[in-house]
Amino acid sequence: MSKRKPEDSPRSCRARSAGELVGDVGGQSFRRFGFIQSSIVSRWAEIVGERYARVSCPESIKFPAGKKAGGALTLMIEGAHAPLIQHLAPMIIERVNRFFGYAAINRIVFRQGRLPIPAPKTERPQLRAVPKELGEGLREIADPELRHCLESLAAQIAASSGAPSLPEDSDDPIPVINRSV
């Protein structure tokens, strides 16, 4: 009689996708700081607007013991923007509650400080037409980065004088390495 574990068991030794693993790890860290949903941090600009998201970011949500409503949202606000954001507190409370779908927040705690610097966005290469002399094969490639690399390679090959070759009258022969296996 063998003891088989169910497939959804964490110890089932089955291959799992990275999304399954990362969701658990990220969820634990967000819950530690009081965030029930991690999306409030990632979608902060949608909740309060791009203008206010540039100068504020949510730090934590603390609920009364045993409840999931009537919590306090702690916001990190940059310098002189604090008085303006303080006047907008009722609007922010309304938008956060609308995001959650129930009255999750009833007050905001403000903390002044420097916001974390966002990582710079990498620029993707711009799409442009494939030159006709490079052929039809490159036009079918959907990935713009791969197509750009292949276009560059094809252009360099076309600009060269042909395939590389070794001189025929070379005195230095290619060494032969004898390996005993």
C-alpha atoms as a PDB file:
ATOM      1  CA  MET A   1       0.000   0.000   0.000  1.00  0.00           C
ATOM      2  CA  SER A   2       1.602   3.251  -1.130  1.00  0.00           C
ATOM      3  CA  LYS A   3       0.962   6.593   0.419  1.00  0.00           C
ATOM      4  CA  ARG A   4       0.361   8.979  -2.469  1.00  0.00           C
ATOM      5  CA  LYS A   5       0.132  12.674  -1.861  1.00  0.00           C
ATOM      6  CA  PRO A   6      -2.565  14.688  -3.586  1.00  0.00           C
ATOM      7  CA  GLU A   7      -1.372  16.772  -6.558  1.00  0.00           C
ATOM      8  CA  ASP A   8      -2.241  20.083  -4.892  1.00  0.00           C
ATOM      9  CA  SER A   9      -0.152  19.287  -1.803  1.00  0.00           C
ATOM     10  CA  PRO A  10       2.906  21.538  -1.356  1.00  0.00           C
ATOM     11  CA  ARG A  11       5.053  18.407  -0.972  1.00  0.00           C
ATOM     12  CA  SER A  12       3.815  16.616  -4.071  1.00  0.00           C
ATOM     13  CA  CYS A  13       7.227  17.016  -5.803  1.00  0.00           C
ATOM     14  CA  ARG A  14       5.550  18.176  -8.984  1.00  0.00           C
ATOM     15  CA  ALA A  15       6.948  20.944 -11.126  1.00  0.00           C
ATOM     16  CA  ARG A  16       5.263  24.254 -10.353  1.00  0.00           C
ATOM     17  CA  SER A  17       5.321  27.473 -12.303  1.00  0.00           C
ATOM     18  CA  ALA A  18       7.217  30.469 -10.988  1.00  0.00           C
ATOM     19  CA  GLY A  19       3.942  32.393 -10.678  1.00  0.00           C
ATOM     20  CA  GLU A  20       2.663  29.893  -8.118  1.00  0.00           C
ATOM     21  CA  LEU A  21       5.777  30.302  -5.993  1.00  0.00           C
ATOM     22  CA  VAL A  22       6.193  34.077  -6.253  1.00  0.00           C
ATOM     23  CA  GLY A  23       2.566  34.778  -5.355  1.00  0.00           C
ATOM     24  CA  ASP A  24       2.979  33.042  -2.019  1.00  0.00           C
ATOM     25  CA  VAL A  25       6.261  34.765  -1.169  1.00  0.00           C
ATOM     26  CA  GLY A  26       5.034  38.229  -2.181  1.00  0.00           C
ATOM     27  CA  GLY A  27       1.701  37.722  -0.435  1.00  0.00           C
ATOM     28  CA  GLN A  28       3.392  36.925   2.872  1.00  0.00           C
ATOM     29  CA  SER A  29       5.554  40.031   2.764  1.00  0.00           C
ATOM     30  CA  PHE A  30       2.650  42.283   1.832  1.00  0.00           C
ATOM     31  CA  ARG A  31       0.477  40.797   4.602  1.00  0.00           C
ATOM     32  CA  ARG A  32       3.261  41.490   7.088  1.00  0.00           C
ATOM     33  CA  PHE A  33       2.880  45.205   6.416  1.00  0.00           C
ATOM     34  CA  GLY A  34      -0.896  45.058   6.558  1.00  0.00           C
ATOM     35  CA  PHE A  35      -1.665  44.870   2.849  1.00  0.00           C
ATOM     36  CA  ILE A  36      -4.384  42.356   2.148  1.00  0.00           C
ATOM     37  CA  GLN A  37      -3.984  42.876  -1.563  1.00  0.00           C
ATOM     38  CA  SER A  38      -0.574  43.657  -3.002  1.00  0.00           C
ATOM     39  CA  SER A  39      -2.277  45.456  -5.876  1.00  0.00           C
ATOM     40  CA  ILE A  40      -2.904  48.570  -3.749  1.00  0.00           C
ATOM     41  CA  VAL A  41       0.841  49.249  -3.910  1.00  0.00           C
ATOM     42  CA  SER A  42       1.296  48.335  -7.561  1.00  0.00           C
ATOM     43  CA  ARG A  43      -1.849  50.195  -8.685  1.00  0.00           C
ATOM     44  CA  TRP A  44      -1.489  53.256  -6.441  1.00  0.00           C
ATOM     45  CA  ALA A  45      -1.301  55.579  -9.457  1.00  0.00           C
ATOM     46  CA  GLU A  46      -4.680  54.262 -10.691  1.00  0.00           C
ATOM     47  CA  ILE A  47      -6.269  54.714  -7.271  1.00  0.00           C
ATOM     48  CA  VAL A  48      -5.220  58.301  -6.462  1.00  0.00           C
ATOM     49  CA  GLY A  49      -4.110  59.543  -9.867  1.00  0.00           C
ATOM     50  CA  GLU A  50      -0.680  59.975 -11.400  1.00  0.00           C
ATOM     51  CA  ARG A  51      -0.177  63.458  -9.950  1.00  0.00           C
ATOM     52  CA  TYR A  52      -0.562  62.375  -6.322  1.00  0.00           C
ATOM     53  CA  ALA A  53       1.132  59.010  -6.811  1.00  0.00           C
ATOM     54  CA  ARG A  54       4.378  60.807  -7.719  1.00  0.00           C
ATOM     55  CA  VAL A  55       4.552  62.372  -4.237  1.00  0.00           C
ATOM     56  CA  SER A  56       3.009  59.624  -2.068  1.00  0.00           C
ATOM     57  CA  CYS A  57       3.060  55.879  -1.618  1.00  0.00           C
ATOM     58  CA  PRO A  58       1.231  53.514   0.761  1.00  0.00           C
ATOM     59  CA  GLU A  59       3.344  52.009   3.531  1.00  0.00           C
ATOM     60  CA  SER A  60       0.906  49.868   5.510  1.00  0.00           C
ATOM     61  CA  ILE A  61      -2.698  49.269   6.483  1.00  0.00           C
ATOM     62  CA  LYS A  62      -3.470  48.460  10.115  1.00  0.00           C
ATOM     63  CA  PHE A  63      -6.859  47.064  11.082  1.00  0.00           C
ATOM     64  CA  PRO A  64      -8.381  46.797  14.555  1.00  0.00           C
ATOM     65  CA  ALA A  65      -7.828  43.391  16.160  1.00  0.00           C
ATOM     66  CA  GLY A  66      -9.968  40.719  14.507  1.00  0.00           C
ATOM     67  CA  LYS A  67     -11.506  43.043  11.890  1.00  0.00           C
ATOM     68  CA  LYS A  68     -10.905  43.696   8.218  1.00  0.00           C
ATOM     69  CA  ALA A  69     -12.650  47.068   8.099  1.00  0.00           C
ATOM     70  CA  GLY A  70     -12.131  50.495   9.647  1.00  0.00           C
ATOM     71  CA  GLY A  71      -8.348  50.399   9.229  1.00  0.00           C
ATOM     72  CA  ALA A  72      -5.704  53.099   9.103  1.00  0.00           C
ATOM     73  CA  LEU A  73      -3.699  53.596   5.915  1.00  0.00           C
ATOM     74  CA  THR A  74      -0.167  54.919   6.461  1.00  0.00           C
ATOM     75  CA  LEU A  75       1.090  57.054   3.592  1.00  0.00           C
ATOM     76  CA  MET A  76       4.670  58.172   2.981  1.00  0.00           C
ATOM     77  CA  ILE A  77       4.547  61.701   1.568  1.00  0.00           C
ATOM     78  CA  GLU A  78       7.353  63.724   0.154  1.00  0.00           C
ATOM     79  CA  GLY A  79       8.171  67.001   1.904  1.00  0.00           C
ATOM     80  CA  ALA A  80       5.975  70.006   1.222  1.00  0.00           C
ATOM     81  CA  HIS A  81       3.224  67.970  -0.417  1.00  0.00           C
ATOM     82  CA  ALA A  82       1.959  66.769   2.972  1.00  0.00           C
ATOM     83  CA  PRO A  83      -0.478  69.679   3.601  1.00  0.00           C
ATOM     84  CA  LEU A  84      -2.049  69.254   0.156  1.00  0.00           C
ATOM     85  CA  ILE A  85      -2.433  65.485   0.558  1.00  0.00           C
ATOM     86  CA  GLN A  86      -3.830  66.043   4.056  1.00  0.00           C
ATOM     87  CA  HIS A  87      -6.611  68.185   2.579  1.00  0.00           C
ATOM     88  CA  LEU A  88      -7.293  65.427   0.041  1.00  0.00           C
ATOM     89  CA  ALA A  89      -7.600  62.705   2.717  1.00  0.00           C
ATOM     90  CA  PRO A  90     -11.408  62.253   2.348  1.00  0.00           C
ATOM     91  CA  MET A  91     -11.027  61.782  -1.413  1.00  0.00           C
ATOM     92  CA  ILE A  92      -8.179  59.268  -0.927  1.00  0.00           C
ATOM     93  CA  ILE A  93     -10.217  57.323   1.664  1.00  0.00           C
ATOM     94  CA  GLU A  94     -13.151  57.180  -0.744  1.00  0.00           C
ATOM     95  CA  ARG A  95     -10.994  55.964  -3.647  1.00  0.00           C
ATOM     96  CA  VAL A  96      -9.189  53.320  -1.580  1.00  0.00           C
ATOM     97  CA  ASN A  97     -12.522  52.034  -0.247  1.00  0.00           C
ATOM     98  CA  ARG A  98     -13.911  51.965  -3.784  1.00  0.00           C
ATOM     99  CA  PHE A  99     -10.846  49.963  -4.834  1.00  0.00           C
ATOM    100  CA  PHE A 100     -11.396  47.415  -2.037  1.00  0.00           C
ATOM    101  CA  GLY A 101     -15.148  47.342  -2.573  1.00  0.00           C
ATOM    102  CA  TYR A 102     -16.021  47.948   1.087  1.00  0.00           C
ATOM    103  CA  ALA A 103     -15.189  50.440   3.873  1.00  0.00           C
ATOM    104  CA  ALA A 104     -11.703  49.077   4.544  1.00  0.00           C
ATOM    105  CA  ILE A 105     -10.138  52.439   5.513  1.00  0.00           C
ATOM    106  CA  ASN A 106     -11.578  55.121   7.770  1.00  0.00           C
ATOM    107  CA  ARG A 107      -8.485  57.251   8.444  1.00  0.00           C
ATOM    108  CA  ILE A 108      -5.071  58.055   7.011  1.00  0.00           C
ATOM    109  CA  VAL A 109      -1.823  58.433   8.936  1.00  0.00           C
ATOM    110  CA  PHE A 110       0.717  60.671   7.204  1.00  0.00           C
ATOM    111  CA  ARG A 111       4.477  60.243   7.383  1.00  0.00           C
ATOM    112  CA  GLN A 112       6.899  62.611   5.717  1.00  0.00           C
ATOM    113  CA  GLY A 113       9.992  61.225   4.052  1.00  0.00           C
ATOM    114  CA  ARG A 114      11.693  60.416   0.794  1.00  0.00           C
ATOM    115  CA  LEU A 115       9.923  58.095  -1.595  1.00  0.00           C
ATOM    116  CA  PRO A 116      11.829  55.136  -3.033  1.00  0.00           C
ATOM    117  CA  ILE A 117      13.335  55.953  -6.406  1.00  0.00           C
ATOM    118  CA  PRO A 118      11.580  53.932  -9.133  1.00  0.00           C
ATOM    119  CA  ALA A 119      13.744  51.832 -11.428  1.00  0.00           C
ATOM    120  CA  PRO A 120      14.351  53.484 -14.809  1.00  0.00           C
ATOM    121  CA  LYS A 121      12.283  52.064 -17.638  1.00  0.00           C
ATOM    122  CA  THR A 122      14.217  50.374 -20.402  1.00  0.00           C
ATOM    123  CA  GLU A 123      13.494  51.666 -23.867  1.00  0.00           C
ATOM    124  CA  ARG A 124      12.416  49.168 -26.471  1.00  0.00           C
ATOM    125  CA  PRO A 125      13.755  49.545 -29.997  1.00  0.00           C
ATOM    126  CA  GLN A 126      11.426  51.408 -32.313  1.00  0.00           C
ATOM    127  CA  LEU A 127       9.670  49.470 -35.054  1.00  0.00           C
ATOM    128  CA  ARG A 128      10.688  50.360 -38.571  1.00  0.00           C
ATOM    129  CA  ALA A 129      10.194  48.867 -41.989  1.00  0.00           C
ATOM    130  CA  VAL A 130      12.461  46.016 -43.052  1.00  0.00           C
ATOM    131  CA  PRO A 131      14.513  46.952 -46.120  1.00  0.00           C
ATOM    132  CA  LYS A 132      13.560  44.983 -49.254  1.00  0.00           C
ATOM    133  CA  GLU A 133      17.132  43.899 -49.930  1.00  0.00           C
ATOM    134  CA  LEU A 134      17.127  41.857 -46.702  1.00  0.00           C
ATOM    135  CA  GLY A 135      14.333  39.622 -47.968  1.00  0.00           C
ATOM    136  CA  GLU A 136      10.886  38.587 -46.836  1.00  0.00           C
ATOM    137  CA  GLY A 137      12.066  36.205 -44.080  1.00  0.00           C
ATOM    138  CA  LEU A 138      12.666  38.957 -41.500  1.00  0.00           C
ATOM    139  CA  ARG A 139       9.237  40.518 -41.992  1.00  0.00           C
ATOM    140  CA  GLU A 140       7.545  37.456 -40.509  1.00  0.00           C
ATOM    141  CA  ILE A 141       9.410  37.716 -37.168  1.00  0.00           C
ATOM    142  CA  ALA A 142       7.014  39.140 -34.573  1.00  0.00           C
ATOM    143  CA  ASP A 143       9.502  39.957 -31.787  1.00  0.00           C
ATOM    144  CA  PRO A 144      10.869  43.462 -32.509  1.00  0.00           C
ATOM    145  CA  GLU A 145      14.120  42.962 -30.575  1.00  0.00           C
ATOM    146  CA  LEU A 146      14.964  39.714 -32.368  1.00  0.00           C
ATOM    147  CA  ARG A 147      14.065  41.227 -35.735  1.00  0.00           C
ATOM    148  CA  HIS A 148      16.282  44.261 -34.982  1.00  0.00           C
ATOM    149  CA  CYS A 149      19.250  42.008 -34.091  1.00  0.00           C
ATOM    150  CA  LEU A 150      18.791  39.896 -37.216  1.00  0.00           C
ATOM    151  CA  GLU A 151      18.456  43.021 -39.405  1.00  0.00           C
ATOM    152  CA  SER A 152      21.703  44.350 -37.967  1.00  0.00           C
ATOM    153  CA  LEU A 153      23.461  41.020 -38.581  1.00  0.00           C
ATOM    154  CA  ALA A 154      22.135  40.822 -42.147  1.00  0.00           C
ATOM    155  CA  ALA A 155      23.234  44.397 -42.874  1.00  0.00           C
ATOM    156  CA  GLN A 156      26.755  43.702 -41.581  1.00  0.00           C
ATOM    157  CA  ILE A 157      27.015  40.514 -43.651  1.00  0.00           C
ATOM    158  CA  ALA A 158      25.771  42.365 -46.738  1.00  0.00           C
ATOM    159  CA  ALA A 159      28.363  45.122 -46.175  1.00  0.00           C
ATOM    160  CA  SER A 160      31.252  42.645 -45.863  1.00  0.00           C
ATOM    161  CA  SER A 161      33.285  41.387 -48.803  1.00  0.00           C
ATOM    162  CA  GLY A 162      32.177  37.798 -48.348  1.00  0.00           C
ATOM    163  CA  ALA A 163      32.751  34.943 -45.973  1.00  0.00           C
ATOM    164  CA  PRO A 164      35.897  35.098 -43.838  1.00  0.00           C
ATOM    165  CA  SER A 165      38.754  32.922 -45.056  1.00  0.00           C
ATOM    166  CA  LEU A 166      42.261  31.935 -44.033  1.00  0.00           C
ATOM    167  CA  PRO A 167      45.156  32.614 -46.367  1.00  0.00           C
ATOM    168  CA  GLU A 168      46.060  29.516 -48.409  1.00  0.00           C
ATOM    169  CA  ASP A 169      49.828  29.956 -48.149  1.00  0.00           C
ATOM    170  CA  SER A 170      49.958  30.162 -44.384  1.00  0.00           C
ATOM    171  CA  ASP A 171      53.055  28.626 -42.738  1.00  0.00           C
ATOM    172  CA  ASP A 172      51.223  28.068 -39.462  1.00  0.00           C
ATOM    173  CA  PRO A 173      49.056  24.999 -39.858  1.00  0.00           C
ATOM    174  CA  ILE A 174      46.104  24.482 -37.595  1.00  0.00           C
ATOM    175  CA  PRO A 175      47.396  22.444 -34.669  1.00  0.00           C
ATOM    176  CA  VAL A 176      45.954  18.994 -34.175  1.00  0.00           C
ATOM    177  CA  ILE A 177      45.296  18.086 -30.584  1.00  0.00           C
ATOM    178  CA  ASN A 178      45.469  14.409 -29.837  1.00  0.00           C
ATOM    179  CA  ARG A 179      43.329  13.431 -26.971  1.00  0.00           C
ATOM    180  CA  SER A 180      43.480  10.009 -25.514  1.00  0.00           C
ATOM    181  CA  VAL A 181      40.143   8.944 -24.178  1.00  0.00           C
END
